[in-house]
């Protein structure tokens, strides 16, 4: 499906549906974490959490898209550095980027993310 989703409209629709389900699941996980108090940082944290909640779907979609991009680069494009890398090392390097999207600390006020040059 990965290969055909880029050229076949029916495959693209199936991919959108599957990715949409993943985005919704990730978004729900983010909301559940907030309800369980895992993202609580006191009064200032509550304000940041409220701002971040508006971006839940976007943050979920960006994280799914990032993983999809890595999958395409590894599986379809067969980028040598990704094919040769140890999975644990690649995961360790990717983990902070995904955390920045999925944790409330990732510029919840819509401001620039540290190091973005903005």
PDB file of N, CA and C in Angstrom:
ATOM      1  N   UNK A   1       0.822  -1.193   0.000  1.00  0.00           N
ATOM      2  CA  UNK A   1       0.000   0.000   0.000  1.00  0.00           C
ATOM      3  C   UNK A   1       0.868   1.260   0.000  1.00  0.00           C
ATOM      4  N   UNK A   2       2.026   1.223   0.661  1.00  0.00           N
ATOM      5  CA  UNK A   2       2.878   2.412   0.713  1.00  0.00           C
ATOM      6  C   UNK A   2       3.229   2.908  -0.687  1.00  0.00           C
ATOM      7  N   UNK A   3       3.624   1.986  -1.538  1.00  0.00           N
ATOM      8  CA  UNK A   3       4.026   2.369  -2.886  1.00  0.00           C
ATOM      9  C   UNK A   3       2.840   2.914  -3.686  1.00  0.00           C
ATOM     10  N   UNK A   4       1.738   2.209  -3.652  1.00  0.00           N
ATOM     11  CA  UNK A   4       0.607   2.576  -4.500  1.00  0.00           C
ATOM     12  C   UNK A   4      -0.164   3.797  -3.995  1.00  0.00           C
ATOM     13  N   UNK A   5      -0.029   4.128  -2.704  1.00  0.00           N
ATOM     14  CA  UNK A   5      -0.798   5.264  -2.171  1.00  0.00           C
ATOM     15  C   UNK A   5      -0.394   6.588  -2.804  1.00  0.00           C
ATOM     16  N   UNK A   6       0.774   6.629  -3.406  1.00  0.00           N
ATOM     17  CA  UNK A   6       1.250   7.868  -4.015  1.00  0.00           C
ATOM     18  C   UNK A   6       0.768   8.044  -5.448  1.00  0.00           C
ATOM     19  N   UNK A   7       0.261   6.972  -6.059  1.00  0.00           N
ATOM     20  CA  UNK A   7      -0.143   7.058  -7.463  1.00  0.00           C
ATOM     21  C   UNK A   7      -1.578   6.616  -7.728  1.00  0.00           C
ATOM     22  N   UNK A   8      -2.145   5.809  -6.854  1.00  0.00           N
ATOM     23  CA  UNK A   8      -3.491   5.274  -7.073  1.00  0.00           C
ATOM     24  C   UNK A   8      -4.476   5.937  -6.118  1.00  0.00           C
ATOM     25  N   UNK A   9      -5.491   6.632  -6.641  1.00  0.00           N
ATOM     26  CA  UNK A   9      -6.447   7.338  -5.781  1.00  0.00           C
ATOM     27  C   UNK A   9      -7.140   6.440  -4.750  1.00  0.00           C
ATOM     28  N   UNK A  10      -7.494   5.232  -5.118  1.00  0.00           N
ATOM     29  CA  UNK A  10      -8.163   4.330  -4.166  1.00  0.00           C
ATOM     30  C   UNK A  10      -7.204   3.935  -3.046  1.00  0.00           C
ATOM     31  N   UNK A  11      -5.966   3.668  -3.392  1.00  0.00           N
ATOM     32  CA  UNK A  11      -4.968   3.336  -2.371  1.00  0.00           C
ATOM     33  C   UNK A  11      -4.686   4.538  -1.484  1.00  0.00           C
ATOM     34  N   UNK A  12      -4.665   5.723  -2.089  1.00  0.00           N
ATOM     35  CA  UNK A  12      -4.450   6.950  -1.316  1.00  0.00           C
ATOM     36  C   UNK A  12      -5.576   7.137  -0.305  1.00  0.00           C
ATOM     37  N   UNK A  13      -6.803   6.863  -0.720  1.00  0.00           N
ATOM     38  CA  UNK A  13      -7.941   6.997   0.196  1.00  0.00           C
ATOM     39  C   UNK A  13      -7.837   5.998   1.339  1.00  0.00           C
ATOM     40  N   UNK A  14      -7.464   4.758   1.045  1.00  0.00           N
ATOM     41  CA  UNK A  14      -7.288   3.752   2.112  1.00  0.00           C
ATOM     42  C   UNK A  14      -6.174   4.175   3.066  1.00  0.00           C
ATOM     43  N   UNK A  15      -5.093   4.728   2.522  1.00  0.00           N
ATOM     44  CA  UNK A  15      -3.993   5.188   3.368  1.00  0.00           C
ATOM     45  C   UNK A  15      -4.449   6.350   4.246  1.00  0.00           C
ATOM     46  N   UNK A  16      -5.200   7.303   3.668  1.00  0.00           N
ATOM     47  CA  UNK A  16      -5.718   8.426   4.467  1.00  0.00           C
ATOM     48  C   UNK A  16      -6.597   7.931   5.607  1.00  0.00           C
ATOM     49  N   UNK A  17      -7.435   6.947   5.310  1.00  0.00           N
ATOM     50  CA  UNK A  17      -8.307   6.397   6.352  1.00  0.00           C
ATOM     51  C   UNK A  17      -7.486   5.731   7.457  1.00  0.00           C
ATOM     52  N   UNK A  18      -6.509   4.926   7.066  1.00  0.00           N
ATOM     53  CA  UNK A  18      -5.670   4.234   8.052  1.00  0.00           C
ATOM     54  C   UNK A  18      -4.858   5.235   8.875  1.00  0.00           C
ATOM     55  N   UNK A  19      -4.272   6.213   8.202  1.00  0.00           N
ATOM     56  CA  UNK A  19      -3.488   7.221   8.918  1.00  0.00           C
ATOM     57  C   UNK A  19      -4.385   8.086   9.790  1.00  0.00           C
ATOM     58  N   UNK A  20      -5.584   8.372   9.315  1.00  0.00           N
ATOM     59  CA  UNK A  20      -6.547   9.132  10.115  1.00  0.00           C
ATOM     60  C   UNK A  20      -6.873   8.401  11.410  1.00  0.00           C
ATOM     61  N   UNK A  21      -7.041   7.076  11.328  1.00  0.00           N
ATOM     62  CA  UNK A  21      -7.291   6.296  12.554  1.00  0.00           C
ATOM     63  C   UNK A  21      -6.101   6.390  13.510  1.00  0.00           C
ATOM     64  N   UNK A  22      -4.899   6.344  12.959  1.00  0.00           N
ATOM     65  CA  UNK A  22      -3.710   6.463  13.804  1.00  0.00           C
ATOM     66  C   UNK A  22      -3.633   7.844  14.445  1.00  0.00           C
ATOM     67  N   UNK A  23      -3.907   8.885  13.681  1.00  0.00           N
ATOM     68  CA  UNK A  23      -3.889  10.249  14.217  1.00  0.00           C
ATOM     69  C   UNK A  23      -4.906  10.376  15.346  1.00  0.00           C
ATOM     70  N   UNK A  24      -6.112   9.851  15.128  1.00  0.00           N
ATOM     71  CA  UNK A  24      -7.139   9.925  16.176  1.00  0.00           C
ATOM     72  C   UNK A  24      -6.705   9.169  17.423  1.00  0.00           C
ATOM     73  N   UNK A  25      -6.077   8.005  17.252  1.00  0.00           N
ATOM     74  CA  UNK A  25      -5.624   7.219  18.402  1.00  0.00           C
ATOM     75  C   UNK A  25      -4.523   7.953  19.166  1.00  0.00           C
ATOM     76  N   UNK A  26      -3.587   8.551  18.452  1.00  0.00           N
ATOM     77  CA  UNK A  26      -2.522   9.308  19.108  1.00  0.00           C
ATOM     78  C   UNK A  26      -3.115  10.525  19.820  1.00  0.00           C
ATOM     79  N   UNK A  27      -4.026  11.222  19.157  1.00  0.00           N
ATOM     80  CA  UNK A  27      -4.677  12.383  19.772  1.00  0.00           C
ATOM     81  C   UNK A  27      -5.428  12.001  21.033  1.00  0.00           C
ATOM     82  N   UNK A  28      -6.138  10.891  20.981  1.00  0.00           N
ATOM     83  CA  UNK A  28      -6.861  10.429  22.174  1.00  0.00           C
ATOM     84  C   UNK A  28      -5.883  10.083  23.295  1.00  0.00           C
ATOM     85  N   UNK A  29      -4.761   9.484  22.935  1.00  0.00           N
ATOM     86  CA  UNK A  29      -3.734   9.190  23.942  1.00  0.00           C
ATOM     87  C   UNK A  29      -3.202  10.455  24.595  1.00  0.00           C
ATOM     88  N   UNK A  30      -3.021  11.502  23.796  1.00  0.00           N
ATOM     89  CA  UNK A  30      -2.571  12.782  24.347  1.00  0.00           C
ATOM     90  C   UNK A  30      -3.617  13.350  25.302  1.00  0.00           C
ATOM     91  N   UNK A  31      -4.863  13.289  24.894  1.00  0.00           N
ATOM     92  CA  UNK A  31      -5.938  13.792  25.766  1.00  0.00           C
ATOM     93  C   UNK A  31      -6.051  12.963  27.038  1.00  0.00           C
ATOM     94  N   UNK A  32      -5.944  11.651  26.928  1.00  0.00           N
ATOM     95  CA  UNK A  32      -6.012  10.772  28.109  1.00  0.00           C
ATOM     96  C   UNK A  32      -4.884  11.097  29.082  1.00  0.00           C
ATOM     97  N   UNK A  33      -3.685  11.319  28.555  1.00  0.00           N
ATOM     98  CA  UNK A  33      -2.546  11.662  29.404  1.00  0.00           C
ATOM     99  C   UNK A  33      -2.790  12.941  30.173  1.00  0.00           C
ATOM    100  N   UNK A  34      -3.422  13.903  29.520  1.00  0.00           N
ATOM    101  CA  UNK A  34      -3.718  15.171  30.174  1.00  0.00           C
ATOM    102  C   UNK A  34      -4.782  14.967  31.255  1.00  0.00           C
ATOM    103  N   UNK A  35      -5.798  14.162  30.947  1.00  0.00           N
ATOM    104  CA  UNK A  35      -6.862  13.903  31.935  1.00  0.00           C
ATOM    105  C   UNK A  35      -6.329  13.129  33.138  1.00  0.00           C
ATOM    106  N   UNK A  36      -5.344  12.266  32.898  1.00  0.00           N
ATOM    107  CA  UNK A  36      -4.763  11.478  33.985  1.00  0.00           C
ATOM    108  C   UNK A  36      -3.779  12.278  34.812  1.00  0.00           C
ATOM    109  N   UNK A  37      -3.528  13.526  34.417  1.00  0.00           N
ATOM    110  CA  UNK A  37      -2.633  14.391  35.177  1.00  0.00           C
ATOM    111  C   UNK A  37      -1.172  14.223  34.838  1.00  0.00           C
ATOM    112  N   UNK A  38      -0.841  13.460  33.811  1.00  0.00           N
ATOM    113  CA  UNK A  38       0.562  13.257  33.468  1.00  0.00           C
ATOM    114  C   UNK A  38       1.192  14.497  32.874  1.00  0.00           C
ATOM    115  N   UNK A  39       0.400  15.427  32.387  1.00  0.00           N
ATOM    116  CA  UNK A  39       0.946  16.639  31.778  1.00  0.00           C
ATOM    117  C   UNK A  39       0.712  17.852  32.668  1.00  0.00           C
ATOM    118  N   UNK A  40       0.522  17.648  33.964  1.00  0.00           N
ATOM    119  CA  UNK A  40       0.215  18.737  34.879  1.00  0.00           C
ATOM    120  C   UNK A  40       1.491  19.400  35.368  1.00  0.00           C
ATOM    121  N   UNK A  41       1.545  20.717  35.232  1.00  0.00           N
ATOM    122  CA  UNK A  41       2.709  21.446  35.692  1.00  0.00           C
ATOM    123  C   UNK A  41       2.326  22.613  36.569  1.00  0.00           C
ATOM    124  N   UNK A  42       1.288  22.506  37.381  1.00  0.00           N
ATOM    125  CA  UNK A  42       0.860  23.599  38.239  1.00  0.00           C
ATOM    126  C   UNK A  42       0.061  24.616  37.449  1.00  0.00           C
ATOM    127  N   UNK A  43      -0.061  25.837  37.999  1.00  0.00           N
ATOM    128  CA  UNK A  43      -0.878  26.875  37.361  1.00  0.00           C
ATOM    129  C   UNK A  43      -0.332  27.236  35.991  1.00  0.00           C
ATOM    130  N   UNK A  44       0.971  27.477  35.898  1.00  0.00           N
ATOM    131  CA  UNK A  44       1.563  27.818  34.606  1.00  0.00           C
ATOM    132  C   UNK A  44       1.430  26.642  33.654  1.00  0.00           C
ATOM    133  N   UNK A  45       1.603  25.429  34.171  1.00  0.00           N
ATOM    134  CA  UNK A  45       1.460  24.233  33.354  1.00  0.00           C
ATOM    135  C   UNK A  45       0.046  24.060  32.863  1.00  0.00           C
ATOM    136  N   UNK A  46      -0.934  24.446  33.681  1.00  0.00           N
ATOM    137  CA  UNK A  46      -2.335  24.326  33.270  1.00  0.00           C
ATOM    138  C   UNK A  46      -2.628  25.241  32.095  1.00  0.00           C
ATOM    139  N   UNK A  47      -2.081  26.463  32.144  1.00  0.00           N
ATOM    140  CA  UNK A  47      -2.270  27.403  31.038  1.00  0.00           C
ATOM    141  C   UNK A  47      -1.616  26.861  29.775  1.00  0.00           C
ATOM    142  N   UNK A  48      -0.407  26.342  29.899  1.00  0.00           N
ATOM    143  CA  UNK A  48       0.290  25.766  28.746  1.00  0.00           C
ATOM    144  C   UNK A  48      -0.462  24.554  28.226  1.00  0.00           C
ATOM    145  N   UNK A  49      -0.995  23.728  29.138  1.00  0.00           N
ATOM    146  CA  UNK A  49      -1.747  22.548  28.728  1.00  0.00           C
ATOM    147  C   UNK A  49      -2.996  22.940  27.965  1.00  0.00           C
ATOM    148  N   UNK A  50      -3.675  23.985  28.419  1.00  0.00           N
ATOM    149  CA  UNK A  50      -4.891  24.432  27.740  1.00  0.00           C
ATOM    150  C   UNK A  50      -4.554  24.899  26.330  1.00  0.00           C
ATOM    151  N   UNK A  51      -3.450  25.624  26.181  1.00  0.00           N
ATOM    152  CA  UNK A  51      -3.043  26.079  24.849  1.00  0.00           C
ATOM    153  C   UNK A  51      -2.653  24.900  23.974  1.00  0.00           C
ATOM    154  N   UNK A  52      -1.942  23.934  24.556  1.00  0.00           N
ATOM    155  CA  UNK A  52      -1.489  22.773  23.797  1.00  0.00           C
ATOM    156  C   UNK A  52      -2.655  21.904  23.363  1.00  0.00           C
ATOM    157  N   UNK A  53      -3.739  21.888  24.137  1.00  0.00           N
ATOM    158  CA  UNK A  53      -4.874  21.038  23.813  1.00  0.00           C
ATOM    159  C   UNK A  53      -5.471  21.402  22.459  1.00  0.00           C
ATOM    160  N   UNK A  54      -5.401  22.661  22.085  1.00  0.00           N
ATOM    161  CA  UNK A  54      -5.910  23.070  20.787  1.00  0.00           C
ATOM    162  C   UNK A  54      -5.099  22.516  19.635  1.00  0.00           C
ATOM    163  N   UNK A  55      -3.885  22.107  19.911  1.00  0.00           N
ATOM    164  CA  UNK A  55      -2.994  21.569  18.882  1.00  0.00           C
ATOM    165  C   UNK A  55      -2.891  20.051  18.918  1.00  0.00           C
ATOM    166  N   UNK A  56      -3.731  19.387  19.705  1.00  0.00           N
ATOM    167  CA  UNK A  56      -3.608  17.933  19.860  1.00  0.00           C
ATOM    168  C   UNK A  56      -3.651  17.227  18.516  1.00  0.00           C
ATOM    169  N   UNK A  57      -4.643  17.543  17.694  1.00  0.00           N
ATOM    170  CA  UNK A  57      -4.772  16.857  16.405  1.00  0.00           C
ATOM    171  C   UNK A  57      -3.581  17.154  15.499  1.00  0.00           C
ATOM    172  N   UNK A  58      -3.123  18.403  15.501  1.00  0.00           N
ATOM    173  CA  UNK A  58      -1.971  18.761  14.673  1.00  0.00           C
ATOM    174  C   UNK A  58      -0.725  18.036  15.155  1.00  0.00           C
ATOM    175  N   UNK A  59      -0.493  18.037  16.470  1.00  0.00           N
ATOM    176  CA  UNK A  59       0.678  17.348  17.011  1.00  0.00           C
ATOM    177  C   UNK A  59       0.609  15.857  16.723  1.00  0.00           C
ATOM    178  N   UNK A  60      -0.579  15.261  16.828  1.00  0.00           N
ATOM    179  CA  UNK A  60      -0.749  13.844  16.523  1.00  0.00           C
ATOM    180  C   UNK A  60      -0.451  13.580  15.048  1.00  0.00           C
ATOM    181  N   UNK A  61      -0.979  14.436  14.163  1.00  0.00           N
ATOM    182  CA  UNK A  61      -0.763  14.249  12.730  1.00  0.00           C
ATOM    183  C   UNK A  61       0.710  14.414  12.358  1.00  0.00           C
ATOM    184  N   UNK A  62       1.377  15.380  12.961  1.00  0.00           N
ATOM    185  CA  UNK A  62       2.803  15.573  12.680  1.00  0.00           C
ATOM    186  C   UNK A  62       3.635  14.378  13.139  1.00  0.00           C
ATOM    187  N   UNK A  63       3.286  13.810  14.282  1.00  0.00           N
ATOM    188  CA  UNK A  63       4.044  12.644  14.756  1.00  0.00           C
ATOM    189  C   UNK A  63       3.816  11.437  13.847  1.00  0.00           C
ATOM    190  N   UNK A  64       2.576  11.219  13.412  1.00  0.00           N
ATOM    191  CA  UNK A  64       2.285  10.113  12.494  1.00  0.00           C
ATOM    192  C   UNK A  64       3.000  10.347  11.162  1.00  0.00           C
ATOM    193  N   UNK A  65       2.984  11.581  10.671  1.00  0.00           N
ATOM    194  CA  UNK A  65       3.654  11.903   9.410  1.00  0.00           C
ATOM    195  C   UNK A  65       5.169  11.706   9.511  1.00  0.00           C
ATOM    196  N   UNK A  66       5.746  12.039  10.653  1.00  0.00           N
ATOM    197  CA  UNK A  66       7.193  11.846  10.834  1.00  0.00           C
ATOM    198  C   UNK A  66       7.551  10.366  10.769  1.00  0.00           C
ATOM    199  N   UNK A  67       6.771   9.551  11.444  1.00  0.00           N
ATOM    200  CA  UNK A  67       7.035   8.107  11.430  1.00  0.00           C
ATOM    201  C   UNK A  67       6.805   7.549  10.019  1.00  0.00           C
ATOM    202  N   UNK A  68       5.773   8.031   9.335  1.00  0.00           N
ATOM    203  CA  UNK A  68       5.523   7.604   7.960  1.00  0.00           C
ATOM    204  C   UNK A  68       6.712   7.971   7.070  1.00  0.00           C
ATOM    205  N   UNK A  69       7.243   9.172   7.246  1.00  0.00           N
ATOM    206  CA  UNK A  69       8.399   9.593   6.458  1.00  0.00           C
ATOM    207  C   UNK A  69       9.609   8.708   6.687  1.00  0.00           C
ATOM    208  N   UNK A  70       9.859   8.355   7.926  1.00  0.00           N
ATOM    209  CA  UNK A  70      10.975   7.459   8.232  1.00  0.00           C
ATOM    210  C   UNK A  70      10.724   6.086   7.604  1.00  0.00           C
ATOM    211  N   UNK A  71       9.489   5.623   7.681  1.00  0.00           N
ATOM    212  CA  UNK A  71       9.144   4.325   7.090  1.00  0.00           C
ATOM    213  C   UNK A  71       9.360   4.335   5.579  1.00  0.00           C
ATOM    214  N   UNK A  72       8.918   5.389   4.915  1.00  0.00           N
ATOM    215  CA  UNK A  72       9.101   5.489   3.464  1.00  0.00           C
ATOM    216  C   UNK A  72      10.588   5.541   3.121  1.00  0.00           C
ATOM    217  N   UNK A  73      11.342   6.352   3.865  1.00  0.00           N
ATOM    218  CA  UNK A  73      12.775   6.470   3.594  1.00  0.00           C
ATOM    219  C   UNK A  73      13.492   5.131   3.804  1.00  0.00           C
ATOM    220  N   UNK A  74      13.071   4.381   4.809  1.00  0.00           N
ATOM    221  CA  UNK A  74      13.710   3.106   5.122  1.00  0.00           C
ATOM    222  C   UNK A  74      13.252   1.995   4.179  1.00  0.00           C
ATOM    223  N   UNK A  75      11.942   1.845   4.017  1.00  0.00           N
ATOM    224  CA  UNK A  75      11.395   0.707   3.283  1.00  0.00           C
ATOM    225  C   UNK A  75      11.347   0.896   1.769  1.00  0.00           C
ATOM    226  N   UNK A  76      10.908   2.059   1.315  1.00  0.00           N
ATOM    227  CA  UNK A  76      10.734   2.266  -0.127  1.00  0.00           C
ATOM    228  C   UNK A  76      11.965   2.851  -0.797  1.00  0.00           C
ATOM    229  N   UNK A  77      12.515   3.890  -0.180  1.00  0.00           N
ATOM    230  CA  UNK A  77      13.688   4.535  -0.766  1.00  0.00           C
ATOM    231  C   UNK A  77      14.979   3.808  -0.412  1.00  0.00           C
ATOM    232  N   UNK A  78      14.894   2.980   0.601  1.00  0.00           N
ATOM    233  CA  UNK A  78      16.036   2.182   1.064  1.00  0.00           C
ATOM    234  C   UNK A  78      17.294   3.032   1.246  1.00  0.00           C
ATOM    235  N   UNK A  79      17.120   4.167   1.958  1.00  0.00           N
ATOM    236  CA  UNK A  79      18.281   5.008   2.238  1.00  0.00           C
ATOM    237  C   UNK A  79      19.303   4.175   3.004  1.00  0.00           C
ATOM    238  N   UNK A  80      20.520   4.088   2.487  1.00  0.00           N
ATOM    239  CA  UNK A  80      21.515   3.207   3.098  1.00  0.00           C
ATOM    240  C   UNK A  80      21.755   3.469   4.585  1.00  0.00           C
ATOM    241  N   UNK A  81      21.849   4.730   4.974  1.00  0.00           N
ATOM    242  CA  UNK A  81      22.145   5.019   6.378  1.00  0.00           C
ATOM    243  C   UNK A  81      21.022   4.514   7.287  1.00  0.00           C
ATOM    244  N   UNK A  82      19.786   4.587   6.821  1.00  0.00           N
ATOM    245  CA  UNK A  82      18.672   4.067   7.622  1.00  0.00           C
ATOM    246  C   UNK A  82      18.635   2.551   7.592  1.00  0.00           C
ATOM    247  N   UNK A  83      18.926   1.954   6.456  1.00  0.00           N
ATOM    248  CA  UNK A  83      18.915   0.494   6.337  1.00  0.00           C
ATOM    249  C   UNK A  83      20.014  -0.136   7.191  1.00  0.00           C
ATOM    250  N   UNK A  84      21.146   0.566   7.305  1.00  0.00           N
ATOM    251  CA  UNK A  84      22.286   0.023   8.034  1.00  0.00           C
ATOM    252  C   UNK A  84      22.262   0.344   9.524  1.00  0.00           C
ATOM    253  N   UNK A  85      21.471   1.304   9.917  1.00  0.00           N
ATOM    254  CA  UNK A  85      21.430   1.731  11.324  1.00  0.00           C
ATOM    255  C   UNK A  85      20.782   0.660  12.197  1.00  0.00           C
ATOM    256  N   UNK A  86      21.263   0.552  13.411  1.00  0.00           N
ATOM    257  CA  UNK A  86      20.615  -0.323  14.386  1.00  0.00           C
ATOM    258  C   UNK A  86      19.288   0.314  14.769  1.00  0.00           C
ATOM    259  N   UNK A  87      18.257  -0.483  14.829  1.00  0.00           N
ATOM    260  CA  UNK A  87      16.916   0.025  15.131  1.00  0.00           C
ATOM    261  C   UNK A  87      16.891   0.767  16.465  1.00  0.00           C
ATOM    262  N   UNK A  88      17.585   0.238  17.466  1.00  0.00           N
ATOM    263  CA  UNK A  88      17.587   0.880  18.786  1.00  0.00           C
ATOM    264  C   UNK A  88      18.238   2.265  18.712  1.00  0.00           C
ATOM    265  N   UNK A  89      19.284   2.408  17.911  1.00  0.00           N
ATOM    266  CA  UNK A  89      19.966   3.702  17.787  1.00  0.00           C
ATOM    267  C   UNK A  89      19.075   4.697  17.051  1.00  0.00           C
ATOM    268  N   UNK A  90      18.441   4.256  15.975  1.00  0.00           N
ATOM    269  CA  UNK A  90      17.541   5.141  15.230  1.00  0.00           C
ATOM    270  C   UNK A  90      16.382   5.588  16.124  1.00  0.00           C
ATOM    271  N   UNK A  91      15.841   4.665  16.895  1.00  0.00           N
ATOM    272  CA  UNK A  91      14.737   5.007  17.801  1.00  0.00           C
ATOM    273  C   UNK A  91      15.199   6.005  18.856  1.00  0.00           C
ATOM    274  N   UNK A  92      16.398   5.808  19.390  1.00  0.00           N
ATOM    275  CA  UNK A  92      16.918   6.718  20.414  1.00  0.00           C
ATOM    276  C   UNK A  92      17.097   8.130  19.858  1.00  0.00           C
ATOM    277  N   UNK A  93      17.495   8.240  18.605  1.00  0.00           N
ATOM    278  CA  UNK A  93      17.671   9.562  17.992  1.00  0.00           C
ATOM    279  C   UNK A  93      16.337  10.203  17.619  1.00  0.00           C
ATOM    280  N   UNK A  94      15.371   9.401  17.227  1.00  0.00           N
ATOM    281  CA  UNK A  94      14.066   9.923  16.834  1.00  0.00           C
ATOM    282  C   UNK A  94      13.192  10.271  18.036  1.00  0.00           C
ATOM    283  N   UNK A  95      13.395   9.571  19.135  1.00  0.00           N
ATOM    284  CA  UNK A  95      12.552   9.734  20.325  1.00  0.00           C
ATOM    285  C   UNK A  95      12.420  11.188  20.790  1.00  0.00           C
ATOM    286  N   UNK A  96      13.501  11.982  20.907  1.00  0.00           N
ATOM    287  CA  UNK A  96      13.337  13.376  21.370  1.00  0.00           C
ATOM    288  C   UNK A  96      12.478  14.220  20.424  1.00  0.00           C
ATOM    289  N   UNK A  97      12.582  13.974  19.131  1.00  0.00           N
ATOM    290  CA  UNK A  97      11.763  14.738  18.179  1.00  0.00           C
ATOM    291  C   UNK A  97      10.289  14.413  18.368  1.00  0.00           C
ATOM    292  N   UNK A  98       9.979  13.140  18.536  1.00  0.00           N
ATOM    293  CA  UNK A  98       8.589  12.755  18.755  1.00  0.00           C
ATOM    294  C   UNK A  98       8.086  13.261  20.100  1.00  0.00           C
ATOM    295  N   UNK A  99       8.945  13.204  21.114  1.00  0.00           N
ATOM    296  CA  UNK A  99       8.552  13.738  22.423  1.00  0.00           C
ATOM    297  C   UNK A  99       8.235  15.222  22.343  1.00  0.00           C
ATOM    298  N   UNK A 100       9.023  15.959  21.553  1.00  0.00           N
ATOM    299  CA  UNK A 100       8.780  17.400  21.411  1.00  0.00           C
ATOM    300  C   UNK A 100       7.391  17.649  20.815  1.00  0.00           C
ATOM    301  N   UNK A 101       6.942  16.770  19.949  1.00  0.00           N
ATOM    302  CA  UNK A 101       5.598  16.909  19.373  1.00  0.00           C
ATOM    303  C   UNK A 101       4.515  16.440  20.331  1.00  0.00           C
ATOM    304  N   UNK A 102       4.815  15.416  21.095  1.00  0.00           N
ATOM    305  CA  UNK A 102       3.775  14.764  21.881  1.00  0.00           C
ATOM    306  C   UNK A 102       3.687  15.230  23.322  1.00  0.00           C
ATOM    307  N   UNK A 103       4.756  15.827  23.840  1.00  0.00           N
ATOM    308  CA  UNK A 103       4.719  16.353  25.204  1.00  0.00           C
ATOM    309  C   UNK A 103       4.270  17.806  25.172  1.00  0.00           C
ATOM    310  N   UNK A 104       3.710  18.267  26.280  1.00  0.00           N
ATOM    311  CA  UNK A 104       3.241  19.644  26.359  1.00  0.00           C
ATOM    312  C   UNK A 104       4.364  20.667  26.279  1.00  0.00           C
ATOM    313  N   UNK A 105       5.602  20.260  26.467  1.00  0.00           N
ATOM    314  CA  UNK A 105       6.707  21.221  26.455  1.00  0.00           C
ATOM    315  C   UNK A 105       7.061  21.680  25.048  1.00  0.00           C
ATOM    316  N   UNK A 106       6.486  21.098  24.005  1.00  0.00           N
ATOM    317  CA  UNK A 106       6.844  21.410  22.624  1.00  0.00           C
ATOM    318  C   UNK A 106       6.180  22.668  22.092  1.00  0.00           C
ATOM    319  N   UNK A 107       6.498  23.837  22.630  1.00  0.00           N
ATOM    320  CA  UNK A 107       5.986  25.138  22.186  1.00  0.00           C
ATOM    321  C   UNK A 107       4.464  25.173  22.133  1.00  0.00           C
ATOM    322  N   UNK A 108       3.778  24.904  23.286  1.00  0.00           N
ATOM    323  CA  UNK A 108       2.323  24.846  23.285  1.00  0.00           C
ATOM    324  C   UNK A 108       1.643  26.188  23.024  1.00  0.00           C
ATOM    325  N   UNK A 109       2.366  27.287  23.170  1.00  0.00           N
ATOM    326  CA  UNK A 109       1.753  28.598  22.963  1.00  0.00           C
ATOM    327  C   UNK A 109       1.799  29.040  21.510  1.00  0.00           C
ATOM    328  N   UNK A 110       2.281  28.166  20.655  1.00  0.00           N
ATOM    329  CA  UNK A 110       2.365  28.506  19.236  1.00  0.00           C
ATOM    330  C   UNK A 110       3.633  29.273  18.903  1.00  0.00           C
ATOM    331  N   UNK A 111       4.487  29.483  19.884  1.00  0.00           N
ATOM    332  CA  UNK A 111       5.743  30.189  19.665  1.00  0.00           C
ATOM    333  C   UNK A 111       6.747  29.282  19.006  1.00  0.00           C
ATOM    334  N   UNK A 112       7.920  29.846  18.691  1.00  0.00           N
ATOM    335  CA  UNK A 112       8.931  29.038  18.018  1.00  0.00           C
ATOM    336  C   UNK A 112       9.481  27.963  18.949  1.00  0.00           C
ATOM    337  N   UNK A 113       9.780  26.826  18.379  1.00  0.00           N
ATOM    338  CA  UNK A 113      10.419  25.755  19.106  1.00  0.00           C
ATOM    339  C   UNK A 113      11.894  26.097  19.209  1.00  0.00           C
ATOM    340  N   UNK A 114      12.506  25.815  20.348  1.00  0.00           N
ATOM    341  CA  UNK A 114      13.907  26.125  20.558  1.00  0.00           C
ATOM    342  C   UNK A 114      14.745  25.590  19.402  1.00  0.00           C
ATOM    343  N   UNK A 115      15.642  26.437  18.912  1.00  0.00           N
ATOM    344  CA  UNK A 115      16.546  26.023  17.847  1.00  0.00           C
ATOM    345  C   UNK A 115      15.940  26.122  16.452  1.00  0.00           C
ATOM    346  N   UNK A 116      14.699  26.624  16.328  1.00  0.00           N
ATOM    347  CA  UNK A 116      14.071  26.682  15.008  1.00  0.00           C
ATOM    348  C   UNK A 116      14.506  27.917  14.221  1.00  0.00           C
ATOM    349  N   UNK A 117      15.167  28.851  14.894  1.00  0.00           N
ATOM    350  CA  UNK A 117      15.621  30.052  14.206  1.00  0.00           C
ATOM    351  C   UNK A 117      14.527  31.090  14.025  1.00  0.00           C
ATOM    352  N   UNK A 118      13.338  30.845  14.570  1.00  0.00           N
ATOM    353  CA  UNK A 118      12.239  31.800  14.426  1.00  0.00           C
ATOM    354  C   UNK A 118      12.124  32.677  15.626  1.00  0.00           C
TER     355      UNK A 118
END
